[in-house]
Amino acid sequence: MPDYSALDQPSVLMYVFYPRRDSTPCPENAFDVSIPVENHVSITCRFHVGGPKWPWILFFHGNGEVVSDYDEIAPFYHKRKLNLVVADYRGYGTSGGIPTLTDLVRDAQTIFEEVEKEITRKGYVSSLWVMGRSLGSISALELSHRYPDRIKGLIIESGFCSVVRIITHLGVPTAGVDLKRIDQECLEMIRRISVPSLIIHGEQDTLVPIREAKDLYQNLGTDEKELLTIPGATHNDIMIVGFKKYFDRLQEVIENYEQSD
């Protein structure tokens, strides 16, 4: 597994994380769960329920975003008969703590376990997909590798193989850190991922260039994988620019694998 501890220094983390404190009351048909990840530190997850028998997507959002940003987006998933649960990170939204890469990965495991339990407790269908946007791809890839028998599939939007690629692309100072080792550990993990996977990326993305999506696609261990590129889309407008194509393919991929079981 990738060891991110060498990157967990303030001079690096200030470029990796942009925590934002923000929250809204739960919209109709939604509820919040606060998941303890450490003494006095909990992570907020918001469950948007469209139908008790629909598949679930556990969504890890991008940097600078928070759970409540998806209140207006969740209905688009519901129109595709998909339930959505959005997870925050330490220091984001109403969640406690200070974010680090090591905790990001460790917390994702705790969040997955608790989300799975909550879905079962509520009597919903327990079909669970994992999705990560940008920064969230770190969590989603980790979970897909760790829980292949409990996750139906993986969706990555505007993501990357390794945070090292983004750190290098942005010119973040990392003196003394063995970036090559961390990058190789990430690639080795990705090559062992066996769940069905959909990668979505904007062709004009300059923050996370399209080459990262292509590299991720090539390295994923599963044979059941697809790369969907959105012409004209950048990092932050991909859903708007490619709205129909984005949601059509998302729905089709999930339905295909749900029906094949």
Protein backbone atom coordinates (compact mmCIF):
# COMPACT_ATOMS: atom_id res chain seq x y z
CA MET A 1 0.00 0.00 0.00
CA PRO A 2 1.23 3.55 -0.65
CA ASP A 3 2.95 5.18 2.31
CA TYR A 4 2.19 8.91 2.17
CA SER A 5 3.79 9.85 5.50
CA ALA A 6 6.77 11.58 3.90
CA LEU A 7 4.37 13.97 2.16
CA ASP A 8 2.50 14.82 5.37
CA GLN A 9 4.46 17.99 6.07
CA PRO A 10 2.92 21.48 6.18
CA SER A 11 4.94 22.76 3.22
CA VAL A 12 3.38 20.05 1.01
CA LEU A 13 -0.08 19.75 2.55
CA MET A 14 -0.80 23.45 2.04
CA TYR A 15 -0.79 22.73 -1.71
CA VAL A 16 -2.70 19.44 -1.50
CA PHE A 17 -5.65 20.41 0.69
CA TYR A 18 -7.93 23.45 0.65
CA PRO A 19 -10.29 22.82 3.58
CA ARG A 20 -13.46 24.89 3.67
CA ARG A 21 -15.91 25.21 6.55
CA ASP A 22 -19.45 25.23 5.24
CA SER A 23 -22.73 23.41 5.81
CA THR A 24 -26.41 23.53 4.93
CA PRO A 25 -29.49 21.89 6.44
CA CYS A 26 -30.22 18.50 4.93
CA PRO A 27 -32.48 18.69 1.88
CA GLU A 28 -35.59 16.56 1.64
CA ASN A 29 -34.89 12.82 1.50
CA ALA A 30 -31.40 13.23 2.92
CA PHE A 31 -29.77 12.64 6.30
CA ASP A 32 -26.32 13.18 7.83
CA VAL A 33 -24.20 10.65 9.69
CA SER A 34 -21.17 11.72 11.71
CA ILE A 35 -18.54 8.96 11.60
CA PRO A 36 -15.85 8.90 14.33
CA VAL A 37 -12.38 8.34 12.87
CA GLU A 38 -10.28 9.26 15.89
CA ASN A 39 -10.77 10.56 19.45
CA HIS A 40 -12.74 13.82 19.15
CA VAL A 41 -12.61 13.72 15.34
CA SER A 42 -15.59 12.78 13.17
CA ILE A 43 -16.27 12.93 9.43
CA THR A 44 -19.66 14.01 8.08
CA CYS A 45 -21.38 11.97 5.37
CA ARG A 46 -24.65 13.01 3.75
CA PHE A 47 -26.96 10.29 2.43
CA HIS A 48 -29.28 11.30 -0.43
CA VAL A 49 -31.99 8.65 -0.72
CA GLY A 50 -33.88 8.34 -4.00
CA GLY A 51 -35.15 4.77 -3.78
CA PRO A 52 -34.60 1.96 -1.27
CA LYS A 53 -33.79 -0.59 -4.00
CA TRP A 54 -31.46 1.58 -6.07
CA PRO A 55 -27.66 1.09 -6.09
CA TRP A 56 -25.57 3.40 -3.92
CA ILE A 57 -22.57 5.51 -4.90
CA LEU A 58 -20.15 6.44 -2.10
CA PHE A 59 -18.71 9.69 -3.44
CA PHE A 60 -15.43 11.34 -2.37
CA HIS A 61 -15.47 14.93 -3.61
CA GLY A 62 -12.80 17.19 -5.04
CA ASN A 63 -10.55 19.64 -3.26
CA GLY A 64 -12.15 22.85 -2.04
CA GLU A 65 -15.58 21.15 -2.10
CA VAL A 66 -17.74 20.04 0.81
CA VAL A 67 -20.64 17.67 1.31
CA SER A 68 -23.29 20.37 1.04
CA ASP A 69 -22.07 21.36 -2.45
CA TYR A 70 -23.75 18.19 -3.70
CA ASP A 71 -27.24 18.98 -2.39
CA GLU A 72 -28.23 20.34 -5.81
CA ILE A 73 -26.37 17.64 -7.72
CA ALA A 74 -27.83 14.62 -5.93
CA PRO A 75 -31.22 14.89 -7.75
CA PHE A 76 -29.42 14.25 -11.06
CA TYR A 77 -28.25 10.91 -9.66
CA HIS A 78 -31.78 10.19 -8.47
CA LYS A 79 -33.11 10.77 -11.99
CA ARG A 80 -30.77 7.93 -13.03
CA LYS A 81 -32.08 5.72 -10.21
CA LEU A 82 -28.90 6.03 -8.17
CA ASN A 83 -28.60 6.83 -4.47
CA LEU A 84 -25.70 9.05 -3.40
CA VAL A 85 -23.73 9.37 -0.18
CA VAL A 86 -21.09 12.11 -0.13
CA ALA A 87 -18.18 11.99 2.33
CA ASP A 88 -16.16 14.94 3.59
CA TYR A 89 -12.52 14.96 4.76
CA ARG A 90 -10.97 16.15 7.99
CA GLY A 91 -11.30 19.92 8.29
CA TYR A 92 -13.91 20.15 5.52
CA GLY A 93 -17.54 21.14 6.05
CA THR A 94 -18.50 20.24 9.61
CA SER A 95 -15.84 17.56 10.01
CA GLY A 96 -13.15 17.88 12.66
CA GLY A 97 -9.40 17.55 12.51
CA ILE A 98 -6.70 18.62 10.08
CA PRO A 99 -6.31 16.77 6.76
CA THR A 100 -3.25 14.70 5.88
CA LEU A 101 -2.77 12.17 3.10
CA THR A 102 -2.23 9.34 5.58
CA ASP A 103 -5.49 10.15 7.38
CA LEU A 104 -7.32 10.60 4.06
CA VAL A 105 -6.62 6.96 3.20
CA ARG A 106 -7.17 5.62 6.71
CA ASP A 107 -10.44 7.53 7.15
CA ALA A 108 -11.76 6.26 3.81
CA GLN A 109 -11.67 2.72 5.17
CA THR A 110 -13.60 3.68 8.31
CA ILE A 111 -16.11 5.66 6.24
CA PHE A 112 -16.67 2.73 3.89
CA GLU A 113 -17.28 0.32 6.77
CA GLU A 114 -19.77 2.66 8.45
CA VAL A 115 -21.58 3.61 5.25
CA GLU A 116 -22.03 -0.05 4.43
CA LYS A 117 -23.44 -0.67 7.92
CA GLU A 118 -25.77 2.34 7.72
CA ILE A 119 -27.21 1.23 4.38
CA THR A 120 -27.86 -2.24 5.81
CA ARG A 121 -29.36 -0.85 9.04
CA LYS A 122 -31.81 1.25 7.05
CA GLY A 123 -32.88 -1.78 5.00
CA TYR A 124 -31.67 -0.38 1.67
CA VAL A 125 -30.22 -2.49 -1.12
CA SER A 126 -26.53 -2.87 -0.25
CA SER A 127 -25.14 -2.63 -3.80
CA LEU A 128 -22.31 -0.11 -3.32
CA TRP A 129 -20.14 1.63 -5.91
CA VAL A 130 -17.24 3.92 -5.04
CA MET A 131 -16.59 7.17 -6.88
CA GLY A 132 -13.84 9.74 -6.52
CA ARG A 133 -13.52 13.16 -8.11
CA SER A 134 -10.02 14.66 -8.38
CA LEU A 135 -8.56 14.50 -4.85
CA GLY A 136 -11.25 11.93 -4.05
CA SER A 137 -9.68 9.48 -6.49
CA ILE A 138 -7.07 8.69 -3.80
CA SER A 139 -9.79 7.40 -1.46
CA ALA A 140 -11.77 5.63 -4.19
CA LEU A 141 -8.76 3.78 -5.58
CA GLU A 142 -7.69 2.71 -2.11
CA LEU A 143 -11.12 1.27 -1.30
CA SER A 144 -11.45 -0.50 -4.65
CA HIS A 145 -8.17 -2.25 -4.00
CA ARG A 146 -8.95 -3.10 -0.38
CA TYR A 147 -12.56 -4.27 -0.71
CA PRO A 148 -12.96 -5.94 -4.14
CA ASP A 149 -15.54 -8.42 -2.81
CA ARG A 150 -17.72 -5.71 -1.24
CA ILE A 151 -17.60 -2.99 -3.90
CA LYS A 152 -19.53 -3.43 -7.14
CA GLY A 153 -17.36 -1.06 -9.14
CA LEU A 154 -15.21 2.06 -9.34
CA ILE A 155 -15.81 5.44 -10.98
CA ILE A 156 -13.08 8.07 -11.24
CA GLU A 157 -13.80 11.61 -12.45
CA SER A 158 -10.95 14.03 -13.22
CA GLY A 159 -8.62 11.77 -11.26
CA PHE A 160 -5.07 10.46 -11.33
CA CYS A 161 -2.90 7.43 -10.56
CA SER A 162 -0.83 9.13 -7.93
CA VAL A 163 -0.84 12.40 -6.00
CA VAL A 164 2.86 12.57 -6.86
CA ARG A 165 1.92 13.38 -10.47
CA ILE A 166 -0.16 16.37 -9.35
CA ILE A 167 2.43 17.59 -6.88
CA THR A 168 5.05 17.46 -9.64
CA HIS A 169 2.71 19.09 -12.18
CA LEU A 170 2.06 21.99 -9.80
CA GLY A 171 5.73 22.39 -8.89
CA VAL A 172 5.22 21.76 -5.16
CA PRO A 173 8.55 21.76 -3.24
CA THR A 174 9.25 18.26 -1.84
CA ALA A 175 12.92 18.27 -0.89
CA GLY A 176 14.09 14.97 0.55
CA VAL A 177 10.92 13.02 -0.38
CA ASP A 178 11.31 9.86 -2.45
CA LEU A 179 8.55 10.68 -4.94
CA LYS A 180 9.47 7.81 -7.23
CA ARG A 181 8.85 5.27 -4.46
CA ILE A 182 5.41 6.69 -3.62
CA ASP A 183 4.43 6.85 -7.28
CA GLN A 184 5.50 3.23 -7.82
CA GLU A 185 3.54 2.07 -4.76
CA CYS A 186 0.42 3.77 -6.16
CA LEU A 187 0.88 2.10 -9.54
CA GLU A 188 1.36 -1.31 -7.93
CA MET A 189 -1.89 -0.88 -6.00
CA ILE A 190 -3.81 0.21 -9.12
CA ARG A 191 -2.55 -2.78 -11.06
CA ARG A 192 -4.19 -5.04 -8.47
CA ILE A 193 -7.63 -3.41 -8.74
CA SER A 194 -10.05 -5.99 -10.17
CA VAL A 195 -13.49 -4.33 -9.98
CA PRO A 196 -15.32 -2.90 -13.04
CA SER A 197 -14.12 0.67 -13.59
CA LEU A 198 -15.25 3.80 -15.43
CA ILE A 199 -12.89 6.76 -15.83
CA ILE A 200 -14.36 10.13 -16.88
CA HIS A 201 -12.10 13.04 -17.81
CA GLY A 202 -12.25 16.40 -19.55
CA GLU A 203 -10.06 16.66 -22.64
CA GLN A 204 -9.12 20.27 -21.81
CA ASP A 205 -8.30 19.66 -18.14
CA THR A 206 -5.11 21.56 -17.31
CA LEU A 207 -5.10 20.96 -13.55
CA VAL A 208 -5.13 17.18 -13.97
CA PRO A 209 -4.11 16.65 -17.61
CA ILE A 210 -5.87 14.01 -19.73
CA ARG A 211 -2.66 11.95 -19.78
CA GLU A 212 -3.33 11.09 -16.14
CA ALA A 213 -6.68 9.52 -17.04
CA LYS A 214 -5.09 7.56 -19.86
CA ASP A 215 -2.31 6.35 -17.58
CA LEU A 216 -4.84 5.32 -14.95
CA TYR A 217 -6.86 3.44 -17.56
CA GLN A 218 -3.79 1.61 -18.84
CA ASN A 219 -2.61 0.60 -15.37
CA LEU A 220 -5.90 -0.57 -13.85
CA GLY A 221 -5.71 -4.32 -13.31
CA THR A 222 -9.29 -5.05 -14.31
CA ASP A 223 -10.20 -5.99 -17.87
CA GLU A 224 -13.66 -4.46 -17.32
CA LYS A 225 -12.69 -0.82 -17.70
CA GLU A 226 -13.64 2.16 -19.84
CA LEU A 227 -12.27 5.66 -20.40
CA LEU A 228 -14.88 8.30 -21.25
CA THR A 229 -13.45 11.64 -22.39
CA ILE A 230 -15.56 14.80 -22.54
CA PRO A 231 -14.53 17.11 -25.43
CA GLY A 232 -14.16 20.76 -24.47
CA ALA A 233 -14.43 20.06 -20.74
CA THR A 234 -11.93 21.32 -18.16
CA HIS A 235 -11.40 20.23 -14.57
CA ASN A 236 -14.32 22.05 -12.99
CA ASP A 237 -16.94 22.16 -15.73
CA ILE A 238 -16.85 18.52 -16.84
CA MET A 239 -20.31 17.67 -15.50
CA ILE A 240 -21.87 20.77 -17.10
CA VAL A 241 -20.14 20.49 -20.48
CA GLY A 242 -20.71 16.76 -20.83
CA PHE A 243 -23.90 16.52 -18.77
CA LYS A 244 -25.88 14.01 -20.86
CA LYS A 245 -22.89 11.95 -21.93
CA TYR A 246 -21.59 11.93 -18.34
CA PHE A 247 -24.80 10.69 -16.71
CA ASP A 248 -25.88 8.44 -19.58
CA ARG A 249 -22.69 6.43 -19.40
CA LEU A 250 -22.60 6.42 -15.60
CA GLN A 251 -26.10 4.96 -15.51
CA GLU A 252 -25.45 2.48 -18.32
CA VAL A 253 -22.29 1.08 -16.75
CA ILE A 254 -23.90 0.59 -13.35
CA GLU A 255 -27.07 -0.92 -14.79
CA ASN A 256 -25.07 -3.33 -16.95
CA TYR A 257 -23.20 -4.75 -13.99
CA GLU A 258 -26.20 -4.72 -11.67
CA GLN A 259 -28.23 -6.75 -14.18
CA SER A 260 -25.40 -9.21 -14.82
CA ASP A 261 -25.37 -10.37 -11.19
